[in-house]
Amino acid sequence: MGKISLILSDLDGTLFHNDRSISDYSKATIAQAQKKGILFGISTARAKVNALKFLDGIKPDVLITNGGGMVFYKSKKIYNCAFSIQETNELIKKAFEVFGKDVVLSADNENGVYSNSKEELPDRFWTFNDFSAFNEPCMKMCIESLDKEKVSLVASIFGPDKIDFLPFSDIPWYKLSKKGATKEKAIEALCGYLNLSSENIAAFGDDFNDIGMLKFCGKGIAMQNAIKEVKNSADEICLSNEEDGVAEWIKDNILL
């Protein structure tokens, strides 16, 4: 591991407390690291609009959203990897065909999050769409199901070399995205843009879609509350999200 010049943190289960809040202590600690010249970034599966709503008090230098579908550096978009409008509609059509007309789907892009769910949740924001005439590209499509076999049938329309699909550990959903729309691919693009080595990045995560990121970066750190697969892939384990593990690690390793 080289000298850390960029810190990347997932949100849910990582920087967020369980109530989706970020403590004042974490905000102050991140700001102190940035004052020392360390870049700080968010790397989340959430769509951009669903991430920014919770970052009051934090001004990230880097924003990786939509599971790696988009990368912003200092508010400038430097990477975009999305299903085309045609590909998105093929996925939607196949999902309804495999799961039935009542399956709950979501699709997100730079403009927002869309879902045919009528459920209202305080920590997620979407625009209702029944997907009968959806006409936008998407960075990822999610299916409310844990049936891996059926999800793989949906993904098979593009072939395994063109699409990734992973479950979430905390909600009964699968996400489908292009091969290039992963956190590690997004970070690779960021490194090229900044002429930065991945060895100079510390990354924090807790769930399946963080594994590639933690392996790719010079220091991959799993939260104490992370699933075992993430812990097994990490270089070290920090305190839990409820204990401000990201901030505590920054204090002990960056601000000394």
Protein backbone atom coordinates (compact mmCIF):
# COMPACT_ATOMS: atom_id res chain seq x y z
CA MET A 1 0.00 0.00 0.00
CA GLY A 2 1.28 3.44 -0.92
CA LYS A 3 0.56 6.73 0.79
CA ILE A 4 -3.20 7.26 0.89
CA SER A 5 -4.32 10.18 -1.25
CA LEU A 6 -7.97 9.16 -1.77
CA ILE A 7 -10.51 7.65 0.62
CA LEU A 8 -13.64 6.05 -0.82
CA SER A 9 -16.60 5.01 1.28
CA ASP A 10 -19.79 3.14 0.57
CA LEU A 11 -22.91 4.62 2.19
CA ASP A 12 -25.44 2.03 3.41
CA GLY A 13 -23.96 -0.07 6.18
CA THR A 14 -20.68 1.82 5.96
CA LEU A 15 -20.66 5.60 6.36
CA PHE A 16 -24.36 5.66 7.23
CA HIS A 17 -25.59 4.69 10.65
CA ASN A 18 -28.47 2.24 10.51
CA ASP A 19 -30.95 5.13 10.41
CA ARG A 20 -29.23 6.46 7.25
CA SER A 21 -27.68 9.38 9.14
CA ILE A 22 -24.03 10.47 9.11
CA SER A 23 -22.70 11.58 12.48
CA ASP A 24 -21.26 15.03 13.07
CA TYR A 25 -18.09 13.28 14.19
CA SER A 26 -17.74 11.53 10.83
CA LYS A 27 -18.43 14.76 8.95
CA ALA A 28 -15.79 16.65 10.96
CA THR A 29 -13.22 13.87 10.58
CA ILE A 30 -13.71 13.71 6.81
CA ALA A 31 -13.36 17.49 6.59
CA GLN A 32 -10.09 17.33 8.54
CA ALA A 33 -8.70 14.74 6.13
CA GLN A 34 -9.68 16.91 3.16
CA LYS A 35 -7.92 19.89 4.75
CA LYS A 36 -4.78 17.77 4.82
CA GLY A 37 -5.08 17.35 1.06
CA ILE A 38 -6.65 13.88 1.09
CA LEU A 39 -9.44 13.45 -1.44
CA PHE A 40 -12.66 11.96 -0.11
CA GLY A 41 -15.26 10.20 -2.19
CA ILE A 42 -18.53 8.28 -2.00
CA SER A 43 -18.89 4.97 -3.82
CA THR A 44 -22.48 3.75 -3.63
CA ALA A 45 -25.06 1.62 -5.38
CA ARG A 46 -27.54 4.44 -4.82
CA ALA A 47 -28.46 6.68 -7.71
CA LYS A 48 -26.99 10.16 -7.60
CA VAL A 49 -30.26 11.75 -6.46
CA ASN A 50 -30.61 9.16 -3.68
CA ALA A 51 -27.08 9.73 -2.44
CA LEU A 52 -26.90 13.51 -2.42
CA LYS A 53 -30.01 13.82 -0.24
CA PHE A 54 -28.06 12.36 2.69
CA LEU A 55 -24.71 14.13 2.36
CA ASP A 56 -25.51 17.38 4.12
CA GLY A 57 -22.26 18.57 5.69
CA ILE A 58 -20.03 16.49 3.41
CA LYS A 59 -18.57 17.81 0.17
CA PRO A 60 -17.12 14.79 -1.63
CA ASP A 61 -14.37 15.33 -4.17
CA VAL A 62 -15.42 12.11 -5.90
CA LEU A 63 -18.89 10.69 -6.36
CA ILE A 64 -19.30 7.16 -7.72
CA THR A 65 -22.98 6.36 -8.04
CA ASN A 66 -25.39 3.82 -9.53
CA GLY A 67 -23.13 0.95 -8.46
CA GLY A 68 -20.28 2.29 -10.60
CA GLY A 69 -22.34 3.49 -13.54
CA MET A 70 -21.25 7.11 -13.15
CA VAL A 71 -18.22 8.91 -11.75
CA PHE A 72 -18.01 12.59 -10.91
CA TYR A 73 -14.81 14.40 -9.96
CA LYS A 74 -15.31 17.89 -8.54
CA SER A 75 -18.85 17.77 -10.02
CA LYS A 76 -17.53 16.95 -13.52
CA LYS A 77 -18.81 13.69 -14.98
CA ILE A 78 -15.83 11.64 -16.12
CA TYR A 79 -17.35 8.17 -16.58
CA ASN A 80 -20.70 6.84 -17.71
CA CYS A 81 -21.67 3.21 -18.32
CA ALA A 82 -25.33 2.56 -18.99
CA PHE A 83 -27.73 0.24 -20.74
CA SER A 84 -29.10 1.94 -23.84
CA ILE A 85 -32.81 2.71 -24.08
CA GLN A 86 -33.26 -0.40 -26.21
CA GLU A 87 -31.25 -2.59 -23.83
CA THR A 88 -33.16 -1.23 -20.84
CA ASN A 89 -36.48 -2.06 -22.42
CA GLU A 90 -35.30 -5.54 -23.36
CA LEU A 91 -34.36 -6.15 -19.71
CA ILE A 92 -37.71 -4.84 -18.49
CA LYS A 93 -39.63 -6.96 -21.00
CA LYS A 94 -37.65 -10.07 -20.06
CA ALA A 95 -38.15 -9.43 -16.32
CA PHE A 96 -41.93 -9.27 -16.75
CA GLU A 97 -41.80 -12.38 -18.92
CA VAL A 98 -39.80 -14.39 -16.36
CA PHE A 99 -41.31 -13.09 -13.11
CA GLY A 100 -44.81 -12.09 -14.18
CA LYS A 101 -46.59 -8.76 -14.48
CA ASP A 102 -46.62 -8.12 -10.71
CA VAL A 103 -42.85 -8.18 -10.21
CA VAL A 104 -41.43 -5.00 -8.68
CA LEU A 105 -38.64 -3.37 -10.68
CA SER A 106 -36.54 -0.25 -10.45
CA ALA A 107 -34.30 1.49 -12.94
CA ASP A 108 -32.03 4.43 -12.26
CA ASN A 109 -29.94 6.89 -14.20
CA GLU A 110 -28.58 10.40 -13.82
CA ASN A 111 -32.06 11.91 -13.90
CA GLY A 112 -33.61 9.84 -11.15
CA VAL A 113 -34.89 6.52 -9.87
CA TYR A 114 -37.99 4.91 -11.36
CA SER A 115 -40.04 2.03 -10.00
CA ASN A 116 -43.41 0.40 -10.37
CA SER A 117 -43.54 0.05 -6.57
CA LYS A 118 -46.16 2.12 -4.78
CA GLU A 119 -44.49 1.60 -1.41
CA GLU A 120 -43.16 4.74 0.23
CA LEU A 121 -39.88 4.50 2.14
CA PRO A 122 -38.28 7.39 4.06
CA ASP A 123 -34.75 6.64 2.86
CA ARG A 124 -35.39 5.98 -0.83
CA PHE A 125 -36.86 8.26 -3.44
CA TRP A 126 -38.27 7.25 -6.78
CA THR A 127 -40.66 8.35 -9.46
CA PHE A 128 -43.50 5.94 -10.14
CA ASN A 129 -43.39 4.33 -13.57
CA ASP A 130 -45.23 1.21 -14.66
CA PHE A 131 -42.56 0.65 -17.36
CA SER A 132 -45.17 0.28 -20.08
CA ALA A 133 -43.48 3.05 -22.06
CA PHE A 134 -40.11 3.67 -20.43
CA ASN A 135 -37.86 5.68 -22.72
CA GLU A 136 -34.62 6.25 -20.85
CA PRO A 137 -31.28 4.47 -20.46
CA CYS A 138 -30.34 3.12 -17.05
CA MET A 139 -27.15 2.40 -15.13
CA LYS A 140 -28.73 -0.48 -13.28
CA MET A 141 -32.02 -2.30 -13.09
CA CYS A 142 -33.12 -3.99 -9.87
CA ILE A 143 -35.58 -6.85 -9.39
CA GLU A 144 -37.34 -7.58 -6.11
CA SER A 145 -36.43 -11.24 -5.86
CA LEU A 146 -33.81 -13.56 -4.40
CA ASP A 147 -34.41 -16.20 -7.06
CA LYS A 148 -30.94 -16.32 -8.61
CA GLU A 149 -32.03 -18.76 -11.32
CA LYS A 150 -34.80 -16.50 -12.57
CA VAL A 151 -32.60 -13.39 -12.39
CA SER A 152 -29.95 -15.22 -14.43
CA LEU A 153 -32.60 -15.91 -17.07
CA VAL A 154 -33.24 -12.18 -17.35
CA ALA A 155 -29.52 -11.44 -17.53
CA SER A 156 -28.99 -14.14 -20.16
CA ILE A 157 -30.48 -12.02 -22.92
CA PHE A 158 -27.14 -10.17 -23.16
CA GLY A 159 -24.80 -12.99 -22.18
CA PRO A 160 -22.49 -13.37 -19.14
CA ASP A 161 -19.69 -11.33 -20.71
CA LYS A 162 -21.87 -8.21 -20.95
CA ILE A 163 -23.86 -8.10 -17.72
CA ASP A 164 -23.30 -8.50 -13.98
CA PHE A 165 -25.94 -9.37 -11.43
CA LEU A 166 -25.53 -9.40 -7.66
CA PRO A 167 -27.88 -9.63 -4.67
CA PHE A 168 -28.07 -7.12 -1.84
CA SER A 169 -27.47 -8.62 1.58
CA ASP A 170 -29.90 -6.37 3.44
CA ILE A 171 -32.89 -6.27 1.07
CA PRO A 172 -34.47 -9.01 -1.11
CA TRP A 173 -33.38 -7.54 -4.42
CA TYR A 174 -30.93 -8.29 -7.23
CA LYS A 175 -29.22 -5.59 -9.25
CA LEU A 176 -28.28 -5.97 -12.91
CA SER A 177 -25.71 -3.74 -14.55
CA LYS A 178 -23.30 -3.66 -17.46
CA LYS A 179 -19.90 -5.26 -16.92
CA GLY A 180 -18.32 -1.82 -16.86
CA ALA A 181 -20.77 -0.45 -14.30
CA THR A 182 -19.01 -1.79 -11.22
CA LYS A 183 -17.28 0.12 -8.47
CA GLU A 184 -13.87 -1.26 -9.40
CA LYS A 185 -14.29 -0.31 -13.07
CA ALA A 186 -15.40 3.16 -12.03
CA ILE A 187 -12.34 3.53 -9.81
CA GLU A 188 -10.10 2.32 -12.63
CA ALA A 189 -11.51 5.09 -14.83
CA LEU A 190 -11.02 7.61 -12.03
CA CYS A 191 -7.40 6.53 -11.57
CA GLY A 192 -6.78 7.08 -15.27
CA TYR A 193 -8.35 10.52 -15.13
CA LEU A 194 -6.38 11.59 -12.05
CA ASN A 195 -3.18 9.74 -12.97
CA LEU A 196 -3.52 8.03 -9.62
CA SER A 197 -2.42 4.55 -8.58
CA SER A 198 -5.03 2.33 -6.97
CA GLU A 199 -2.35 1.60 -4.33
CA ASN A 200 -2.97 5.12 -3.02
CA ILE A 201 -6.66 4.51 -2.33
CA ALA A 202 -8.31 3.30 0.87
CA ALA A 203 -11.84 1.95 0.35
CA PHE A 204 -14.54 0.97 2.84
CA GLY A 205 -17.50 -1.33 2.28
CA ASP A 206 -19.84 -3.94 3.71
CA ASP A 207 -21.79 -5.71 0.94
CA PHE A 208 -21.37 -7.90 -2.14
CA ASN A 209 -20.87 -5.05 -4.60
CA ASP A 210 -18.00 -3.69 -2.49
CA ILE A 211 -15.81 -6.78 -2.85
CA GLY A 212 -14.29 -5.81 -6.19
CA MET A 213 -13.61 -2.30 -4.93
CA LEU A 214 -11.86 -3.50 -1.79
CA LYS A 215 -9.70 -5.92 -3.77
CA PHE A 216 -8.82 -3.28 -6.37
CA CYS A 217 -7.70 -0.56 -3.96
CA GLY A 218 -4.41 -0.49 -2.07
CA LYS A 219 -6.18 -0.73 1.27
CA GLY A 220 -9.54 -2.49 1.33
CA ILE A 221 -11.31 -2.13 4.66
CA ALA A 222 -14.41 -4.06 5.69
CA MET A 223 -16.79 -2.79 8.30
CA GLN A 224 -17.22 -4.91 11.42
CA ASN A 225 -20.86 -5.30 10.38
CA ALA A 226 -19.93 -6.42 6.84
CA ILE A 227 -21.00 -9.76 5.46
CA LYS A 228 -18.36 -12.49 5.76
CA GLU A 229 -17.59 -12.46 2.02
CA VAL A 230 -16.51 -8.82 2.29
CA LYS A 231 -14.45 -9.43 5.42
CA ASN A 232 -12.70 -12.33 3.70
CA SER A 233 -11.79 -10.04 0.78
CA ALA A 234 -10.53 -7.13 2.88
CA ASP A 235 -7.05 -6.20 4.07
CA GLU A 236 -8.40 -5.27 7.47
CA ILE A 237 -11.59 -4.74 9.44
CA CYS A 238 -12.57 -1.50 11.14
CA LEU A 239 -15.27 -0.68 13.66
CA SER A 240 -18.93 -0.97 12.61
CA ASN A 241 -20.99 1.68 10.89
CA GLU A 242 -22.79 2.39 14.16
CA GLU A 243 -19.40 3.07 15.78
CA ASP A 244 -18.25 5.49 13.04
CA GLY A 245 -15.72 2.96 11.80
CA VAL A 246 -14.76 4.97 8.72
CA ALA A 247 -14.05 8.09 10.75
CA GLU A 248 -12.17 6.17 13.44
CA TRP A 249 -9.92 4.58 10.81
CA ILE A 250 -9.26 7.98 9.23
CA LYS A 251 -8.41 9.43 12.63
CA ASP A 252 -6.00 6.61 13.49
CA ASN A 253 -4.36 6.25 10.06
CA ILE A 254 -4.61 9.61 8.31
CA LEU A 255 -4.86 12.31 10.95
CA LEU A 256 -2.08 11.11 13.26
